Amino acid sequence: MKHTVALLVENEFGVLARISGLFSGRGYNIQSLTVAETLDPKISRMTIVTNGDDRVIEQIMKQLNKLINVIKVQDMTAENHLERILALVKVRVHEKNKKEIRKEIEKMKGKVLEDDDQCLVAEFTGDEKQIAEVHRNLKPFGIMEFEQTGTIAIEKGKKVIGA
């Protein structure tokens, strides 16, 4: 089962390497990983998407909590939360299909970032299913490049990780 794990960590050299080393050293796979500073520049927030049954996830959480630079670990999967991915898509265009591609992008709530005679670059945000739909719907037009970030997640309501 897919799990989204949020961590608050000290924003120091080597923390990312220790965390990814923990996963690889125990044979756990990281499906996606995002890291960025929080409002406090001494602290970073990591979002890791991984797969495993409840026993595996419990073991991952325990191991992460043992690391010195880890402040807080939370499995967001069971929480009421929002997840988003950012995707940039470059699509081949022709005079005949440009309007149709733009219409499809608009329908999926995308934003055109660049448009010329040969290609069009669009930006999309959404959950995993929405981004998969973008790929599926634009593939027939000729995707030249498809890049996406890892998942980011935040709890709904006033609850804050680490609070």
Protein backbone atom coordinates (compact mmCIF):
# COMPACT_ATOMS: atom_id res chain seq x y z
CA MET A 1 0.00 0.00 0.00
CA LYS A 2 1.23 3.50 -0.83
CA HIS A 3 2.07 5.75 2.14
CA THR A 4 2.90 9.45 2.25
CA VAL A 5 5.27 10.26 5.12
CA ALA A 6 6.01 13.83 6.20
CA LEU A 7 9.15 14.69 8.17
CA LEU A 8 10.51 17.79 9.81
CA VAL A 9 14.29 17.63 9.87
CA GLU A 10 17.16 19.91 10.84
CA ASN A 11 18.28 21.78 7.73
CA GLU A 12 21.87 20.53 7.82
CA PHE A 13 24.38 18.97 5.49
CA GLY A 14 24.00 15.19 5.10
CA VAL A 15 20.47 14.77 6.50
CA LEU A 16 19.00 13.81 3.13
CA ALA A 17 21.81 11.31 2.55
CA ARG A 18 21.22 9.67 5.94
CA ILE A 19 17.49 9.37 5.33
CA SER A 20 17.82 7.98 1.80
CA GLY A 21 20.57 5.66 3.10
CA LEU A 22 18.19 4.35 5.74
CA PHE A 23 15.71 3.41 3.01
CA SER A 24 18.24 1.82 0.65
CA GLY A 25 20.11 0.05 3.45
CA ARG A 26 16.95 -1.77 4.51
CA GLY A 27 15.68 -2.46 1.00
CA TYR A 28 12.81 0.05 1.10
CA ASN A 29 11.94 1.95 -2.06
CA ILE A 30 11.28 5.68 -2.26
CA GLN A 31 8.65 6.34 -4.91
CA SER A 32 9.04 10.11 -4.62
CA LEU A 33 10.85 12.54 -2.36
CA THR A 34 10.57 16.30 -2.00
CA VAL A 35 12.51 18.55 0.36
CA ALA A 36 12.38 22.28 1.03
CA GLU A 37 13.03 24.78 3.80
CA THR A 38 10.10 25.65 6.03
CA LEU A 39 9.29 29.14 7.27
CA ASP A 40 12.11 28.51 9.77
CA PRO A 41 15.35 28.25 7.72
CA LYS A 42 16.82 25.88 10.35
CA ILE A 43 14.15 23.28 9.53
CA SER A 44 13.27 21.48 6.29
CA ARG A 45 10.15 19.54 5.43
CA MET A 46 10.47 16.27 3.57
CA THR A 47 7.65 14.36 1.95
CA ILE A 48 8.42 10.74 1.09
CA VAL A 49 6.08 8.44 -0.80
CA THR A 50 6.84 4.76 -0.29
CA ASN A 51 5.10 1.41 -0.48
CA GLY A 52 4.68 -1.21 2.20
CA ASP A 53 2.28 -2.97 4.49
CA ASP A 54 1.53 -1.64 7.97
CA ARG A 55 4.45 -3.57 9.51
CA VAL A 56 6.97 -2.18 7.00
CA ILE A 57 5.68 1.40 7.41
CA GLU A 58 5.80 1.08 11.20
CA GLN A 59 9.43 -0.09 10.94
CA ILE A 60 10.29 2.83 8.60
CA MET A 61 8.70 5.31 11.04
CA LYS A 62 10.63 3.86 14.00
CA GLN A 63 13.93 3.96 12.09
CA LEU A 64 13.34 7.54 10.93
CA ASN A 65 12.53 8.65 14.49
CA LYS A 66 15.89 7.25 15.65
CA LEU A 67 17.86 9.56 13.36
CA ILE A 68 19.36 12.48 15.28
CA ASN A 69 18.41 15.21 12.79
CA VAL A 70 14.76 14.11 12.53
CA ILE A 71 12.41 16.33 14.54
CA LYS A 72 9.02 14.81 13.66
CA VAL A 73 7.71 11.95 11.50
CA GLN A 74 4.08 11.57 10.47
CA ASP A 75 2.35 9.08 8.19
CA MET A 76 -0.06 11.34 6.33
CA THR A 77 -1.88 8.43 4.67
CA ALA A 78 -4.53 8.05 7.36
CA GLU A 79 -4.80 11.81 7.97
CA ASN A 80 -7.23 14.18 6.26
CA HIS A 81 -4.75 15.78 3.86
CA LEU A 82 -4.16 17.18 0.39
CA GLU A 83 -1.50 15.92 -2.00
CA ARG A 84 -0.22 17.70 -5.10
CA ILE A 85 2.25 17.07 -7.90
CA LEU A 86 3.51 19.64 -10.41
CA ALA A 87 3.97 18.50 -14.01
CA LEU A 88 5.51 20.29 -16.99
CA VAL A 89 4.54 18.88 -20.38
CA LYS A 90 6.01 19.72 -23.78
CA VAL A 91 3.66 18.75 -26.62
CA ARG A 92 4.37 18.76 -30.34
CA VAL A 93 1.95 21.08 -32.15
CA HIS A 94 0.89 21.62 -35.73
CA GLU A 95 -1.28 24.33 -37.16
CA LYS A 96 -4.14 21.81 -37.41
CA ASN A 97 -4.13 20.62 -33.79
CA LYS A 98 -2.96 23.63 -31.79
CA LYS A 99 -6.48 24.80 -30.90
CA GLU A 100 -7.48 21.27 -29.88
CA ILE A 101 -4.41 20.91 -27.65
CA ARG A 102 -5.05 24.29 -26.01
CA LYS A 103 -8.67 23.27 -25.41
CA GLU A 104 -7.53 20.00 -23.79
CA ILE A 105 -5.05 21.87 -21.57
CA GLU A 106 -7.74 24.33 -20.51
CA LYS A 107 -10.18 21.47 -19.78
CA MET A 108 -7.60 19.92 -17.42
CA LYS A 109 -6.95 23.32 -15.76
CA GLY A 110 -3.44 23.61 -17.12
CA LYS A 111 -1.53 26.78 -17.86
CA VAL A 112 0.37 27.35 -21.10
CA LEU A 113 3.88 28.59 -20.31
CA GLU A 114 5.37 28.64 -23.80
CA ASP A 115 3.84 28.46 -27.25
CA ASP A 116 5.61 28.47 -30.59
CA ASP A 117 5.14 26.93 -34.05
CA GLN A 118 6.56 23.51 -33.09
CA CYS A 119 5.68 22.89 -29.45
CA LEU A 120 3.74 24.05 -26.48
CA VAL A 121 4.78 23.78 -22.81
CA ALA A 122 2.06 23.56 -20.17
CA GLU A 123 2.00 23.38 -16.39
CA PHE A 124 -0.40 21.22 -14.37
CA THR A 125 -0.93 20.62 -10.68
CA GLY A 126 -3.01 17.85 -9.21
CA ASP A 127 -3.00 14.59 -7.37
CA GLU A 128 -1.49 11.42 -8.78
CA LYS A 129 -4.66 10.47 -10.70
CA GLN A 130 -5.04 13.94 -12.22
CA ILE A 131 -1.43 13.99 -13.43
CA ALA A 132 -1.83 10.50 -14.91
CA GLU A 133 -4.92 11.80 -16.73
CA VAL A 134 -2.89 14.72 -18.15
CA HIS A 135 -0.35 12.25 -19.52
CA ARG A 136 -3.05 9.98 -20.94
CA ASN A 137 -4.98 12.85 -22.59
CA LEU A 138 -1.97 14.58 -24.14
CA LYS A 139 -0.08 11.46 -25.25
CA PRO A 140 -2.04 11.13 -28.53
CA PHE A 141 -0.87 14.62 -29.55
CA GLY A 142 2.80 13.68 -29.20
CA ILE A 143 4.42 14.39 -25.84
CA MET A 144 8.01 15.46 -26.37
CA GLU A 145 8.85 15.74 -22.65
CA PHE A 146 6.96 15.03 -19.45
CA GLU A 147 8.51 16.08 -16.14
CA GLN A 148 6.91 15.92 -12.74
CA THR A 149 7.84 16.64 -9.16
CA GLY A 150 7.39 14.31 -6.26
CA THR A 151 4.33 14.51 -4.09
CA ILE A 152 3.90 17.25 -1.51
CA ALA A 153 1.26 16.91 1.20
CA ILE A 154 -0.35 19.07 3.84
CA GLU A 155 -3.01 18.33 6.43
CA LYS A 156 -6.40 19.95 6.08
CA GLY A 157 -7.62 22.21 8.86
CA LYS A 158 -5.62 23.94 11.54
CA LYS A 159 -3.50 20.94 12.56
CA VAL A 160 0.20 21.43 11.78
CA ILE A 161 2.95 18.80 11.67
CA GLY A 162 5.28 19.29 14.57
CA ALA A 163 2.74 21.24 16.63
